[in-house]
Amino acid sequence: MSREVCYNPKIEKEVMEKQINFGDNIFFLTLILKGLSSGVRLSLDNDLFLDKLVEDIFFLEGSIEKVFELIKQRVLLIDRLGHLKNLETLSSDFAALLEEITLGNIPVAEHLAAFSDRFNSIKDNQHKLASEIRGIIHDTDQSETIEEDMVSQEEFEFLLAEENEENND
C-alpha cells in the first residue's frame, strides 16, 4: 500500500462539494464500537442479538474504510491530522475487539465462531489500515514540521533588507 497521496484539484473540488462532518462520523462509529464491545461481554440472548452483533461488525468494517478513503482524498481538510489520529485509534480498537472475539475471550465468542475466519480477515485488514494511517500521520507531522521551519522567499528578502539597512546605518 502506498502512503503517498497526490493532490488532484479535480478530486479535491468534487469531494469538497459534499460536506461531511468527519469528527461526528468518527465519534459515532466509536460509540458503535463501544456499544458492541460492551454487548459482546454480556450474556445476551443469541437468538435475539447475534445477527445484530455480526451486522455491527460488518458495518464498522465498511464504514471505517470508507471514512479513511474520504479523508485520504481530502488533503486540504481542516483538522485532517486530528481526524486521522481518531480514526487510527478506532481502527486499532476495532482490531483488538476482533482479536478478543476470535480468541474466544468473551461470552458470545462460541456463537460467533462460524465467522472467525471472516473476523480474522477483518482484524488483519484493520491492523493494515491503522498502520497506513500511522504512516500518513507521520508523513504529515514531518511535512508540517518542515513547513514550519522553512523561511519563505518574502520573509528571507525582508530579513536581508533589514540587515542591509542596519549595516548602512
N, C-alpha and C. Protein backbone atom coordinates (compact mmCIF):
# COMPACT_ATOMS: atom_id res chain seq x y z
N MET A 1 0.83 -1.19 0.00
CA MET A 1 0.00 0.00 0.00
C MET A 1 0.88 1.24 0.00
N SER A 2 0.60 2.11 -0.92
CA SER A 2 1.36 3.34 -0.99
C SER A 2 0.75 4.39 -0.08
N ARG A 3 1.59 5.07 0.66
CA ARG A 3 1.10 6.10 1.57
C ARG A 3 1.12 7.46 0.90
N GLU A 4 1.73 7.54 -0.27
CA GLU A 4 1.86 8.82 -0.94
C GLU A 4 0.52 9.21 -1.56
N VAL A 5 0.07 10.40 -1.29
CA VAL A 5 -1.17 10.90 -1.84
C VAL A 5 -0.84 12.06 -2.75
N CYS A 6 -1.26 11.95 -3.98
CA CYS A 6 -1.03 13.04 -4.92
C CYS A 6 -2.23 13.98 -4.88
N TYR A 7 -1.96 15.24 -4.91
CA TYR A 7 -3.03 16.23 -4.89
C TYR A 7 -3.62 16.35 -6.28
N ASN A 8 -4.89 16.14 -6.38
CA ASN A 8 -5.60 16.27 -7.65
C ASN A 8 -6.71 17.30 -7.44
N PRO A 9 -6.58 18.49 -8.06
CA PRO A 9 -7.58 19.55 -7.84
C PRO A 9 -8.99 19.13 -8.22
N LYS A 10 -9.14 18.29 -9.24
CA LYS A 10 -10.47 17.86 -9.66
C LYS A 10 -11.12 17.02 -8.57
N ILE A 11 -10.36 16.08 -8.02
CA ILE A 11 -10.89 15.24 -6.94
C ILE A 11 -11.19 16.09 -5.72
N GLU A 12 -10.28 17.02 -5.39
CA GLU A 12 -10.48 17.89 -4.22
C GLU A 12 -11.77 18.69 -4.38
N LYS A 13 -12.03 19.22 -5.57
CA LYS A 13 -13.24 20.00 -5.82
C LYS A 13 -14.48 19.13 -5.66
N GLU A 14 -14.44 17.92 -6.23
CA GLU A 14 -15.58 17.02 -6.16
C GLU A 14 -15.89 16.62 -4.72
N VAL A 15 -14.86 16.29 -3.96
CA VAL A 15 -15.11 15.84 -2.59
C VAL A 15 -15.44 17.01 -1.67
N MET A 16 -14.95 18.20 -1.99
CA MET A 16 -15.27 19.35 -1.15
C MET A 16 -16.71 19.80 -1.34
N GLU A 17 -17.30 19.48 -2.51
CA GLU A 17 -18.69 19.86 -2.74
C GLU A 17 -19.64 19.12 -1.80
N LYS A 18 -19.24 17.96 -1.35
CA LYS A 18 -20.05 17.18 -0.42
C LYS A 18 -19.49 17.41 0.98
N GLN A 19 -20.22 18.13 1.80
CA GLN A 19 -19.77 18.43 3.15
C GLN A 19 -20.00 17.23 4.06
N ILE A 20 -18.96 16.81 4.72
CA ILE A 20 -19.03 15.68 5.64
C ILE A 20 -18.42 16.12 6.96
N ASN A 21 -19.12 15.84 8.03
CA ASN A 21 -18.58 16.15 9.34
C ASN A 21 -17.85 14.91 9.84
N PHE A 22 -16.55 14.84 9.53
CA PHE A 22 -15.76 13.66 9.87
C PHE A 22 -15.67 13.45 11.38
N GLY A 23 -15.59 14.53 12.13
CA GLY A 23 -15.50 14.40 13.58
C GLY A 23 -16.71 13.68 14.15
N ASP A 24 -17.89 14.08 13.72
CA ASP A 24 -19.11 13.44 14.20
C ASP A 24 -19.21 11.99 13.73
N ASN A 25 -18.83 11.76 12.47
CA ASN A 25 -18.89 10.39 11.95
C ASN A 25 -17.96 9.45 12.72
N ILE A 26 -16.75 9.89 12.96
CA ILE A 26 -15.79 9.06 13.70
C ILE A 26 -16.26 8.87 15.14
N PHE A 27 -16.81 9.93 15.73
CA PHE A 27 -17.33 9.84 17.09
C PHE A 27 -18.45 8.81 17.17
N PHE A 28 -19.38 8.86 16.20
CA PHE A 28 -20.50 7.91 16.21
C PHE A 28 -20.02 6.48 15.98
N LEU A 29 -19.07 6.29 15.08
CA LEU A 29 -18.50 4.95 14.87
C LEU A 29 -17.82 4.45 16.15
N THR A 30 -17.18 5.35 16.87
CA THR A 30 -16.55 4.98 18.14
C THR A 30 -17.61 4.56 19.16
N LEU A 31 -18.74 5.27 19.17
CA LEU A 31 -19.83 4.88 20.08
C LEU A 31 -20.38 3.50 19.71
N ILE A 32 -20.51 3.23 18.42
CA ILE A 32 -20.98 1.92 17.99
C ILE A 32 -20.01 0.84 18.44
N LEU A 33 -18.72 1.11 18.28
CA LEU A 33 -17.71 0.14 18.72
C LEU A 33 -17.78 -0.08 20.22
N LYS A 34 -17.95 0.99 20.99
CA LYS A 34 -18.04 0.84 22.45
C LYS A 34 -19.28 0.04 22.83
N GLY A 35 -20.40 0.30 22.15
CA GLY A 35 -21.62 -0.47 22.41
C GLY A 35 -21.44 -1.93 22.06
N LEU A 36 -20.81 -2.18 20.93
CA LEU A 36 -20.53 -3.55 20.51
C LEU A 36 -19.60 -4.25 21.49
N SER A 37 -18.57 -3.54 21.90
CA SER A 37 -17.60 -4.10 22.85
C SER A 37 -18.27 -4.44 24.17
N SER A 38 -19.15 -3.59 24.63
CA SER A 38 -19.89 -3.87 25.87
C SER A 38 -20.87 -5.02 25.66
N GLY A 39 -21.55 -5.00 24.52
CA GLY A 39 -22.56 -6.03 24.25
C GLY A 39 -22.02 -7.43 24.18
N VAL A 40 -20.85 -7.61 23.56
CA VAL A 40 -20.30 -8.97 23.43
C VAL A 40 -19.83 -9.53 24.77
N ARG A 41 -19.73 -8.69 25.77
CA ARG A 41 -19.31 -9.14 27.09
C ARG A 41 -20.50 -9.53 27.98
N LEU A 42 -21.69 -9.27 27.50
CA LEU A 42 -22.91 -9.61 28.26
C LEU A 42 -23.37 -11.02 27.91
N SER A 43 -24.19 -11.57 28.77
CA SER A 43 -24.81 -12.88 28.47
C SER A 43 -26.13 -12.62 27.76
N LEU A 44 -26.02 -12.33 26.49
CA LEU A 44 -27.19 -11.95 25.71
C LEU A 44 -27.92 -13.17 25.15
N ASP A 45 -29.18 -12.97 24.80
CA ASP A 45 -29.96 -14.00 24.11
C ASP A 45 -29.46 -14.02 22.66
N ASN A 46 -28.78 -15.08 22.30
CA ASN A 46 -28.16 -15.15 20.98
C ASN A 46 -29.17 -15.13 19.85
N ASP A 47 -30.36 -15.70 20.07
CA ASP A 47 -31.39 -15.66 19.03
C ASP A 47 -31.82 -14.23 18.73
N LEU A 48 -31.75 -13.40 19.74
CA LEU A 48 -32.20 -12.02 19.59
C LEU A 48 -31.08 -11.09 19.10
N PHE A 49 -29.85 -11.29 19.55
CA PHE A 49 -28.80 -10.30 19.32
C PHE A 49 -27.65 -10.72 18.40
N LEU A 50 -27.51 -12.00 18.11
CA LEU A 50 -26.36 -12.47 17.35
C LEU A 50 -26.27 -11.79 15.98
N ASP A 51 -27.38 -11.74 15.26
CA ASP A 51 -27.37 -11.10 13.94
C ASP A 51 -26.98 -9.63 14.03
N LYS A 52 -27.45 -8.95 15.06
CA LYS A 52 -27.13 -7.53 15.25
C LYS A 52 -25.64 -7.33 15.50
N LEU A 53 -25.06 -8.19 16.32
CA LEU A 53 -23.63 -8.08 16.61
C LEU A 53 -22.80 -8.27 15.34
N VAL A 54 -23.16 -9.27 14.56
CA VAL A 54 -22.44 -9.54 13.30
C VAL A 54 -22.63 -8.38 12.33
N GLU A 55 -23.85 -7.88 12.21
CA GLU A 55 -24.11 -6.73 11.32
C GLU A 55 -23.30 -5.51 11.74
N ASP A 56 -23.21 -5.26 13.03
CA ASP A 56 -22.43 -4.12 13.52
C ASP A 56 -20.95 -4.27 13.18
N ILE A 57 -20.44 -5.47 13.28
CA ILE A 57 -19.03 -5.70 12.94
C ILE A 57 -18.80 -5.41 11.46
N PHE A 58 -19.67 -5.93 10.61
CA PHE A 58 -19.53 -5.68 9.17
C PHE A 58 -19.75 -4.20 8.83
N PHE A 59 -20.68 -3.57 9.54
CA PHE A 59 -20.92 -2.14 9.32
C PHE A 59 -19.69 -1.32 9.69
N LEU A 60 -19.10 -1.62 10.83
CA LEU A 60 -17.90 -0.90 11.26
C LEU A 60 -16.77 -1.07 10.26
N GLU A 61 -16.58 -2.29 9.79
CA GLU A 61 -15.52 -2.55 8.82
C GLU A 61 -15.67 -1.63 7.60
N GLY A 62 -16.83 -1.66 6.99
CA GLY A 62 -17.05 -0.87 5.79
C GLY A 62 -17.00 0.62 6.05
N SER A 63 -17.54 1.05 7.16
CA SER A 63 -17.60 2.48 7.47
C SER A 63 -16.23 3.06 7.78
N ILE A 64 -15.43 2.34 8.54
CA ILE A 64 -14.08 2.82 8.86
C ILE A 64 -13.28 2.98 7.58
N GLU A 65 -13.36 1.98 6.70
CA GLU A 65 -12.62 2.04 5.44
C GLU A 65 -13.11 3.20 4.56
N LYS A 66 -14.42 3.41 4.51
CA LYS A 66 -14.97 4.49 3.69
C LYS A 66 -14.54 5.86 4.22
N VAL A 67 -14.63 6.05 5.53
CA VAL A 67 -14.22 7.32 6.12
C VAL A 67 -12.74 7.58 5.85
N PHE A 68 -11.93 6.53 5.98
CA PHE A 68 -10.49 6.69 5.72
C PHE A 68 -10.25 7.11 4.26
N GLU A 69 -10.90 6.46 3.32
CA GLU A 69 -10.70 6.80 1.91
C GLU A 69 -11.11 8.26 1.64
N LEU A 70 -12.19 8.70 2.25
CA LEU A 70 -12.63 10.08 2.06
C LEU A 70 -11.64 11.08 2.66
N ILE A 71 -11.13 10.77 3.84
CA ILE A 71 -10.15 11.66 4.47
C ILE A 71 -8.85 11.66 3.67
N LYS A 72 -8.45 10.49 3.21
CA LYS A 72 -7.21 10.38 2.44
C LYS A 72 -7.27 11.23 1.17
N GLN A 73 -8.43 11.32 0.56
CA GLN A 73 -8.61 12.11 -0.66
C GLN A 73 -8.57 13.61 -0.39
N ARG A 74 -8.91 14.02 0.80
CA ARG A 74 -9.05 15.44 1.13
C ARG A 74 -7.79 15.96 1.83
N VAL A 75 -6.79 16.24 1.04
CA VAL A 75 -5.52 16.66 1.62
C VAL A 75 -5.60 18.05 2.26
N LEU A 76 -6.58 18.84 1.90
CA LEU A 76 -6.73 20.19 2.45
C LEU A 76 -7.79 20.27 3.56
N LEU A 77 -8.25 19.13 4.03
CA LEU A 77 -9.29 19.08 5.05
C LEU A 77 -8.81 19.72 6.35
N ILE A 78 -9.66 20.58 6.91
CA ILE A 78 -9.35 21.20 8.20
C ILE A 78 -9.33 20.11 9.26
N ASP A 79 -8.33 20.11 10.11
CA ASP A 79 -8.12 19.13 11.19
C ASP A 79 -7.99 17.70 10.66
N ARG A 80 -7.44 17.57 9.48
CA ARG A 80 -7.24 16.25 8.87
C ARG A 80 -6.40 15.36 9.77
N LEU A 81 -5.34 15.92 10.34
CA LEU A 81 -4.46 15.15 11.21
C LEU A 81 -5.21 14.63 12.44
N GLY A 82 -6.03 15.46 13.03
CA GLY A 82 -6.83 15.04 14.19
C GLY A 82 -7.80 13.93 13.83
N HIS A 83 -8.45 14.06 12.68
CA HIS A 83 -9.37 13.02 12.23
C HIS A 83 -8.63 11.72 11.98
N LEU A 84 -7.45 11.81 11.37
CA LEU A 84 -6.67 10.60 11.12
C LEU A 84 -6.25 9.92 12.43
N LYS A 85 -5.87 10.71 13.41
CA LYS A 85 -5.47 10.14 14.71
C LYS A 85 -6.65 9.43 15.37
N ASN A 86 -7.83 10.05 15.33
CA ASN A 86 -9.02 9.43 15.92
C ASN A 86 -9.42 8.16 15.16
N LEU A 87 -9.27 8.21 13.84
CA LEU A 87 -9.61 7.05 13.03
C LEU A 87 -8.62 5.91 13.27
N GLU A 88 -7.36 6.24 13.47
CA GLU A 88 -6.35 5.21 13.76
C GLU A 88 -6.67 4.52 15.08
N THR A 89 -7.05 5.29 16.09
CA THR A 89 -7.44 4.72 17.37
C THR A 89 -8.65 3.81 17.21
N LEU A 90 -9.65 4.28 16.46
CA LEU A 90 -10.86 3.50 16.23
C LEU A 90 -10.51 2.18 15.54
N SER A 91 -9.71 2.24 14.50
CA SER A 91 -9.33 1.04 13.75
C SER A 91 -8.55 0.06 14.63
N SER A 92 -7.62 0.57 15.43
CA SER A 92 -6.84 -0.28 16.34
C SER A 92 -7.73 -0.93 17.40
N ASP A 93 -8.64 -0.15 17.97
CA ASP A 93 -9.56 -0.69 18.99
C ASP A 93 -10.49 -1.75 18.39
N PHE A 94 -10.92 -1.52 17.16
CA PHE A 94 -11.78 -2.47 16.46
C PHE A 94 -11.03 -3.79 16.24
N ALA A 95 -9.78 -3.69 15.80
CA ALA A 95 -8.96 -4.89 15.61
C ALA A 95 -8.76 -5.63 16.93
N ALA A 96 -8.56 -4.90 18.01
CA ALA A 96 -8.38 -5.53 19.33
C ALA A 96 -9.64 -6.27 19.76
N LEU A 97 -10.81 -5.69 19.49
CA LEU A 97 -12.06 -6.37 19.84
C LEU A 97 -12.21 -7.65 19.02
N LEU A 98 -11.91 -7.57 17.74
CA LEU A 98 -12.00 -8.76 16.90
C LEU A 98 -11.03 -9.85 17.36
N GLU A 99 -9.88 -9.42 17.85
CA GLU A 99 -8.91 -10.37 18.41
C GLU A 99 -9.51 -11.09 19.61
N GLU A 100 -10.15 -10.35 20.49
CA GLU A 100 -10.79 -10.96 21.66
C GLU A 100 -11.88 -11.95 21.25
N ILE A 101 -12.66 -11.56 20.24
CA ILE A 101 -13.75 -12.44 19.78
C ILE A 101 -13.18 -13.72 19.20
N THR A 102 -12.18 -13.61 18.33
CA THR A 102 -11.64 -14.80 17.67
C THR A 102 -10.85 -15.70 18.63
N LEU A 103 -10.31 -15.12 19.68
CA LEU A 103 -9.60 -15.93 20.67
C LEU A 103 -10.56 -16.60 21.66
N GLY A 104 -11.83 -16.20 21.61
CA GLY A 104 -12.82 -16.80 22.50
C GLY A 104 -12.80 -16.24 23.90
N ASN A 105 -12.31 -15.03 24.06
CA ASN A 105 -12.17 -14.43 25.40
C ASN A 105 -13.43 -13.73 25.90
N ILE A 106 -14.53 -13.87 25.21
CA ILE A 106 -15.77 -13.20 25.61
C ILE A 106 -16.93 -14.19 25.57
N PRO A 107 -17.99 -13.94 26.35
CA PRO A 107 -19.10 -14.90 26.46
C PRO A 107 -19.73 -15.31 25.13
N VAL A 108 -19.90 -14.42 24.21
CA VAL A 108 -20.63 -14.71 22.98
C VAL A 108 -19.72 -15.32 21.89
N ALA A 109 -18.45 -15.47 22.18
CA ALA A 109 -17.48 -15.91 21.18
C ALA A 109 -17.84 -17.26 20.55
N GLU A 110 -18.31 -18.19 21.35
CA GLU A 110 -18.64 -19.51 20.80
C GLU A 110 -19.76 -19.43 19.76
N HIS A 111 -20.66 -18.48 19.93
CA HIS A 111 -21.76 -18.32 18.98
C HIS A 111 -21.32 -17.58 17.71
N LEU A 112 -20.20 -16.90 17.80
CA LEU A 112 -19.66 -16.17 16.65
C LEU A 112 -18.56 -16.96 15.94
N ALA A 113 -18.31 -18.18 16.41
CA ALA A 113 -17.21 -18.99 15.87
C ALA A 113 -17.36 -19.23 14.37
N ALA A 114 -18.57 -19.31 13.87
CA ALA A 114 -18.78 -19.53 12.44
C ALA A 114 -18.20 -18.40 11.60
N PHE A 115 -18.02 -17.24 12.20
CA PHE A 115 -17.50 -16.08 11.49
C PHE A 115 -16.01 -15.84 11.76
N SER A 116 -15.36 -16.74 12.47
CA SER A 116 -13.99 -16.48 12.92
C SER A 116 -13.02 -16.22 11.77
N ASP A 117 -13.13 -16.94 10.66
CA ASP A 117 -12.23 -16.67 9.53
C ASP A 117 -12.45 -15.26 8.98
N ARG A 118 -13.69 -14.90 8.83
CA ARG A 118 -14.02 -13.56 8.31
C ARG A 118 -13.56 -12.49 9.30
N PHE A 119 -13.78 -12.71 10.59
CA PHE A 119 -13.36 -11.74 11.60
C PHE A 119 -11.84 -11.61 11.64
N ASN A 120 -11.13 -12.72 11.46
CA ASN A 120 -9.66 -12.66 11.41
C ASN A 120 -9.20 -11.83 10.21
N SER A 121 -9.88 -12.00 9.10
CA SER A 121 -9.54 -11.22 7.90
C SER A 121 -9.79 -9.73 8.14
N ILE A 122 -10.92 -9.41 8.75
CA ILE A 122 -11.24 -8.01 9.06
C ILE A 122 -10.20 -7.45 10.03
N LYS A 123 -9.86 -8.24 11.04
CA LYS A 123 -8.85 -7.81 12.03
C LYS A 123 -7.52 -7.50 11.36
N ASP A 124 -7.08 -8.39 10.47
CA ASP A 124 -5.83 -8.16 9.76
C ASP A 124 -5.90 -6.90 8.90
N ASN A 125 -7.02 -6.72 8.24
CA ASN A 125 -7.20 -5.51 7.41
C ASN A 125 -7.21 -4.25 8.26
N GLN A 126 -7.79 -4.32 9.45
CA GLN A 126 -7.81 -3.16 10.34
C GLN A 126 -6.41 -2.84 10.85
N HIS A 127 -5.61 -3.86 11.12
CA HIS A 127 -4.22 -3.63 11.52
C HIS A 127 -3.46 -2.94 10.38
N LYS A 128 -3.67 -3.39 9.15
CA LYS A 128 -3.01 -2.77 7.99
C LYS A 128 -3.49 -1.33 7.82
N LEU A 129 -4.78 -1.12 7.97
CA LEU A 129 -5.35 0.22 7.84
C LEU A 129 -4.77 1.15 8.89
N ALA A 130 -4.73 0.69 10.14
CA ALA A 130 -4.17 1.50 11.23
C ALA A 130 -2.71 1.83 10.95
N SER A 131 -1.99 0.86 10.42
CA SER A 131 -0.59 1.09 10.08
C SER A 131 -0.45 2.13 8.97
N GLU A 132 -1.31 2.03 7.96
CA GLU A 132 -1.28 3.02 6.87
C GLU A 132 -1.61 4.41 7.39
N ILE A 133 -2.59 4.49 8.28
CA ILE A 133 -2.97 5.78 8.86
C ILE A 133 -1.80 6.35 9.66
N ARG A 134 -1.14 5.50 10.46
CA ARG A 134 0.03 5.96 11.22
C ARG A 134 1.11 6.50 10.29
N GLY A 135 1.29 5.85 9.16
CA GLY A 135 2.27 6.33 8.18
C GLY A 135 1.91 7.70 7.64
N ILE A 136 0.64 7.91 7.34
CA ILE A 136 0.19 9.21 6.83
C ILE A 136 0.35 10.27 7.92
N ILE A 137 0.01 9.90 9.16
CA ILE A 137 0.16 10.83 10.28
C ILE A 137 1.62 11.22 10.42
N HIS A 138 2.50 10.25 10.37
CA HIS A 138 3.94 10.51 10.49
C HIS A 138 4.42 11.42 9.37
N ASP A 139 4.02 11.10 8.14
CA ASP A 139 4.42 11.92 6.99
C ASP A 139 3.89 13.34 7.11
N THR A 140 2.65 13.46 7.57
CA THR A 140 2.03 14.78 7.73
C THR A 140 2.74 15.57 8.81
N ASP A 141 3.04 14.91 9.93
CA ASP A 141 3.78 15.58 11.01
C ASP A 141 5.13 16.06 10.51
N GLN A 142 5.82 15.23 9.74
CA GLN A 142 7.14 15.58 9.21
C GLN A 142 7.03 16.77 8.26
N SER A 143 6.06 16.74 7.35
CA SER A 143 5.95 17.83 6.37
C SER A 143 5.53 19.13 7.04
N GLU A 144 4.68 19.04 8.07
CA GLU A 144 4.28 20.26 8.78
C GLU A 144 5.46 20.84 9.54
N THR A 145 6.30 20.00 10.10
CA THR A 145 7.49 20.47 10.80
C THR A 145 8.43 21.17 9.83
N ILE A 146 8.62 20.57 8.67
CA ILE A 146 9.48 21.17 7.65
C ILE A 146 8.91 22.50 7.20
N GLU A 147 7.60 22.57 6.98
CA GLU A 147 6.97 23.81 6.54
C GLU A 147 7.09 24.90 7.60
N GLU A 148 6.97 24.51 8.87
CA GLU A 148 7.07 25.50 9.94
C GLU A 148 8.49 26.05 10.04
N ASP A 149 9.49 25.22 9.75
CA ASP A 149 10.88 25.63 9.86
C ASP A 149 11.37 26.40 8.64
N MET A 150 10.64 26.33 7.55
CA MET A 150 11.09 26.97 6.32
C MET A 150 10.79 28.47 6.36
N VAL A 151 11.69 29.24 5.79
CA VAL A 151 11.50 30.68 5.66
C VAL A 151 11.11 30.95 4.21
N SER A 152 9.99 31.63 4.01
CA SER A 152 9.55 31.91 2.64
C SER A 152 10.49 32.91 1.98
N GLN A 153 10.39 32.98 0.66
CA GLN A 153 11.23 33.91 -0.10
C GLN A 153 10.98 35.35 0.36
N GLU A 154 9.73 35.70 0.61
CA GLU A 154 9.39 37.05 1.05
C GLU A 154 10.00 37.35 2.42
N GLU A 155 9.90 36.37 3.33
CA GLU A 155 10.47 36.56 4.66
C GLU A 155 11.99 36.70 4.57
N PHE A 156 12.60 35.90 3.72
CA PHE A 156 14.04 35.95 3.56
C PHE A 156 14.48 37.32 3.02
N GLU A 157 13.78 37.81 2.01
CA GLU A 157 14.10 39.12 1.45
C GLU A 157 13.91 40.23 2.48
N PHE A 158 12.85 40.13 3.29
CA PHE A 158 12.58 41.11 4.32
C PHE A 158 13.70 41.12 5.36
N LEU A 159 14.12 39.92 5.76
CA LEU A 159 15.20 39.83 6.74
C LEU A 159 16.51 40.39 6.18
N LEU A 160 16.79 40.11 4.93
CA LEU A 160 18.00 40.65 4.30
C LEU A 160 17.92 42.17 4.16
N ALA A 161 16.74 42.67 3.85
CA ALA A 161 16.56 44.12 3.71
C ALA A 161 16.81 44.80 5.05
N GLU A 162 16.28 44.21 6.14
CA GLU A 162 16.51 44.78 7.47
C GLU A 162 17.99 44.75 7.82
N GLU A 163 18.67 43.66 7.49
CA GLU A 163 20.09 43.54 7.79
C GLU A 163 20.90 44.57 6.99
N ASN A 164 20.53 44.75 5.73
CA ASN A 164 21.23 45.74 4.89
C ASN A 164 21.01 47.16 5.42
N GLU A 165 19.79 47.45 5.90
CA GLU A 165 19.51 48.78 6.45
C GLU A 165 20.34 49.01 7.70
N GLU A 166 20.48 48.00 8.56
CA GLU A 166 21.27 48.14 9.78
C GLU A 166 22.74 48.33 9.44
N ASN A 167 23.22 47.66 8.41
CA ASN A 167 24.61 47.80 8.00
C ASN A 167 24.89 49.17 7.37
N ASN A 168 23.90 49.75 6.73
CA ASN A 168 24.05 51.06 6.09
C ASN A 168 24.00 52.20 7.11
N ASP A 169 23.42 51.95 8.26
CA ASP A 169 23.31 53.00 9.28
C ASP A 169 24.54 53.21 10.04
